[in-house]
Amino acid sequence: MKRTSILLLTFLLVLSAAGAAMAASVEAEAFHRLKVTVPEVTKLELTKAGQTIEFEDIEEAGTYTTDESFTLTYRCNKKVNWQLKVEAGKFKDGQEELPVSALNIRIVDNNETYNILGQEAVLDTSLNTGAKEKTIEFLYELKIDSDFSDVYAGEYSNEVTYTLFVP
């Protein structure tokens, strides 16, 4: 019986050693390399883009605001220093120029204003917003501070341009 126990023990040791050796040796291996692509998105959408926005009739100096607000939705998910810029020229009717002291964009959420009359303003950057989509609601605000008695009748117009600058 002692001899059977020794033989059985020896057999189990040999079997364990063989199993461990088989488990340690890899006969074949295969793998997949996974790849995901996130496409670049550059988006700029303006409500009523290309349309004429009218202020009420102006008869004297003062501050005039558009009756309705507008939205601007934008996104750039490129890892660059993008900027959202806006600019406007001057109000003209042929050779005549309306004596405007400021043309502001007033953001509805925080009441922040940007004067864009004859200049460019940066509304947002990648440092503030990152890659996420953002929508701002705003009004146009026209300020006329000068003497209005010398202004000729006419339809004065100006163009406001929004640019998502991506280097």
Protein backbone atom coordinates (compact mmCIF):
# COMPACT_ATOMS: atom_id res chain seq x y z
CA MET A 1 0.00 0.00 0.00
CA LYS A 2 2.90 2.23 0.78
CA ARG A 3 4.35 1.44 -2.62
CA THR A 4 1.01 2.25 -4.32
CA SER A 5 0.84 5.57 -2.50
CA ILE A 6 4.35 6.46 -3.61
CA LEU A 7 3.60 5.49 -7.20
CA LEU A 8 0.36 7.44 -7.15
CA LEU A 9 2.14 10.46 -5.65
CA THR A 10 4.91 10.25 -8.27
CA PHE A 11 2.33 9.97 -11.05
CA LEU A 12 0.49 13.09 -9.77
CA LEU A 13 3.74 15.07 -9.53
CA VAL A 14 4.71 14.13 -13.09
CA LEU A 15 1.22 14.98 -14.33
CA SER A 16 1.27 18.37 -12.52
CA ALA A 17 4.72 19.23 -13.92
CA ALA A 18 3.65 18.31 -17.46
CA GLY A 19 0.45 20.37 -17.15
CA ALA A 20 2.38 23.39 -15.91
CA ALA A 21 4.87 23.07 -18.77
CA MET A 22 2.04 22.86 -21.31
CA ALA A 23 0.29 25.88 -19.81
CA ALA A 24 3.49 27.97 -19.88
CA SER A 25 4.26 27.38 -23.55
CA VAL A 26 2.22 29.36 -26.11
CA GLU A 27 1.92 27.62 -29.42
CA ALA A 28 0.12 30.47 -31.31
CA GLU A 29 -1.11 34.01 -30.72
CA ALA A 30 -3.30 36.43 -32.68
CA PHE A 31 -4.64 39.95 -32.00
CA HIS A 32 -6.67 42.86 -33.37
CA ARG A 33 -5.57 46.48 -33.31
CA LEU A 34 -8.63 48.66 -32.79
CA LYS A 35 -8.89 52.16 -34.27
CA VAL A 36 -11.56 54.83 -33.86
CA THR A 37 -11.65 58.01 -35.95
CA VAL A 38 -13.40 61.16 -34.76
CA PRO A 39 -13.93 63.39 -37.80
CA GLU A 40 -13.14 67.09 -37.66
CA VAL A 41 -16.18 69.34 -37.24
CA THR A 42 -16.19 73.05 -37.99
CA LYS A 43 -19.68 74.51 -37.67
CA LEU A 44 -21.06 78.06 -37.76
CA GLU A 45 -24.82 78.61 -37.95
CA LEU A 46 -26.51 82.01 -37.65
CA THR A 47 -30.29 82.49 -37.46
CA LYS A 48 -31.60 84.57 -40.36
CA ALA A 49 -28.19 84.44 -42.08
CA GLY A 50 -28.14 86.48 -45.28
CA GLN A 51 -31.32 88.37 -44.38
CA THR A 52 -31.75 92.07 -43.66
CA ILE A 53 -32.40 92.89 -40.01
CA GLU A 54 -34.19 96.22 -39.54
CA PHE A 55 -34.06 98.63 -36.62
CA GLU A 56 -37.04 100.88 -35.97
CA ASP A 57 -37.04 104.30 -37.66
CA ILE A 58 -34.46 106.59 -36.08
CA GLU A 59 -35.39 110.23 -35.60
CA GLU A 60 -32.98 111.32 -32.88
CA ALA A 61 -29.86 110.38 -30.97
CA GLY A 62 -30.27 107.48 -28.56
CA THR A 63 -29.85 103.74 -28.14
CA TYR A 64 -31.82 101.39 -30.36
CA THR A 65 -32.07 97.61 -29.97
CA THR A 66 -33.39 95.01 -32.37
CA ASP A 67 -36.88 93.77 -31.49
CA GLU A 68 -35.83 90.14 -31.68
CA SER A 69 -32.79 88.18 -30.57
CA PHE A 70 -30.66 85.93 -32.76
CA THR A 71 -28.66 82.77 -32.13
CA LEU A 72 -25.21 81.77 -33.25
CA THR A 73 -24.25 78.10 -32.93
CA TYR A 74 -20.65 77.07 -33.42
CA ARG A 75 -18.20 74.25 -32.85
CA CYS A 76 -14.63 73.38 -33.74
CA ASN A 77 -13.21 70.11 -32.46
CA LYS A 78 -9.75 70.55 -33.96
CA LYS A 79 -7.03 70.82 -31.33
CA VAL A 80 -5.94 74.30 -32.41
CA ASN A 81 -6.38 77.83 -31.08
CA TRP A 82 -9.57 78.73 -32.96
CA GLN A 83 -11.39 82.04 -32.51
CA LEU A 84 -14.96 83.18 -33.13
CA LYS A 85 -14.76 86.71 -34.55
CA VAL A 86 -17.35 89.28 -35.59
CA GLU A 87 -16.92 92.59 -37.38
CA ALA A 88 -18.97 95.31 -39.04
CA GLY A 89 -18.32 98.30 -41.23
CA LYS A 90 -20.03 101.68 -40.98
CA PHE A 91 -23.66 102.53 -41.74
CA LYS A 92 -23.80 104.14 -45.19
CA ASP A 93 -26.33 105.30 -47.72
CA GLY A 94 -24.25 105.89 -50.83
CA GLN A 95 -21.69 108.49 -49.77
CA GLU A 96 -23.58 109.52 -46.63
CA GLU A 97 -22.57 107.98 -43.30
CA LEU A 98 -24.83 107.66 -40.28
CA PRO A 99 -23.14 109.16 -37.17
CA VAL A 100 -23.20 105.99 -35.09
CA SER A 101 -21.03 105.90 -31.96
CA ALA A 102 -21.35 102.12 -31.40
CA LEU A 103 -22.85 98.99 -32.89
CA ASN A 104 -22.90 96.41 -30.13
CA ILE A 105 -23.65 92.76 -29.93
CA ARG A 106 -25.24 92.23 -26.53
CA ILE A 107 -25.18 88.64 -25.26
CA VAL A 108 -28.53 87.84 -23.62
CA ASP A 109 -27.23 85.39 -20.97
CA ASN A 110 -24.65 87.65 -19.34
CA ASN A 111 -25.48 91.11 -20.81
CA GLU A 112 -21.89 91.37 -22.08
CA THR A 113 -21.44 93.75 -25.04
CA TYR A 114 -18.95 93.87 -27.89
CA ASN A 115 -18.60 97.00 -30.02
CA ILE A 116 -18.11 95.88 -33.62
CA LEU A 117 -18.56 99.19 -35.46
CA GLY A 118 -15.65 99.45 -37.89
CA GLN A 119 -13.69 96.84 -35.97
CA GLU A 120 -13.34 93.17 -35.16
CA ALA A 121 -14.23 91.60 -31.81
CA VAL A 122 -13.41 88.11 -30.53
CA LEU A 123 -16.54 86.54 -29.01
CA ASP A 124 -15.03 83.19 -28.00
CA THR A 125 -11.91 81.03 -28.28
CA SER A 126 -10.86 77.42 -27.95
CA LEU A 127 -9.39 78.25 -24.53
CA ASN A 128 -12.89 79.09 -23.23
CA THR A 129 -15.09 76.55 -24.99
CA GLY A 130 -12.85 73.68 -26.11
CA ALA A 131 -14.33 71.19 -28.58
CA LYS A 132 -17.95 71.33 -27.45
CA GLU A 133 -20.78 72.93 -29.42
CA LYS A 134 -22.02 76.23 -28.06
CA THR A 135 -24.98 78.49 -28.84
CA ILE A 136 -25.18 82.14 -27.87
CA GLU A 137 -28.27 84.34 -28.04
CA PHE A 138 -27.71 88.04 -28.75
CA LEU A 139 -29.28 91.36 -29.75
CA TYR A 140 -27.90 94.19 -31.88
CA GLU A 141 -27.67 97.55 -30.13
CA LEU A 142 -27.13 100.77 -32.06
CA LYS A 143 -25.95 103.92 -30.25
CA ILE A 144 -26.12 107.39 -31.72
CA ASP A 145 -24.67 110.06 -29.43
CA SER A 146 -24.04 112.96 -31.81
CA ASP A 147 -26.25 115.79 -33.00
CA PHE A 148 -28.86 114.19 -35.21
CA SER A 149 -30.11 117.45 -36.81
CA ASP A 150 -27.62 117.23 -39.69
CA VAL A 151 -28.43 113.63 -40.78
CA TYR A 152 -29.90 113.14 -44.24
CA ALA A 153 -32.94 110.91 -44.78
CA GLY A 154 -32.18 107.55 -46.34
CA GLU A 155 -31.72 103.84 -45.81
CA TYR A 156 -28.35 103.31 -44.20
CA SER A 157 -26.99 99.77 -44.19
CA ASN A 158 -24.11 97.82 -42.74
CA GLU A 159 -22.96 94.23 -42.93
CA VAL A 160 -21.99 92.16 -39.90
CA THR A 161 -19.69 89.20 -40.60
CA TYR A 162 -19.11 86.24 -38.31
CA THR A 163 -16.00 84.11 -38.80
CA LEU A 164 -14.87 80.93 -37.08
CA PHE A 165 -11.13 81.31 -37.60
CA VAL A 166 -9.35 77.95 -37.54
CA PRO A 167 -5.57 78.13 -38.19
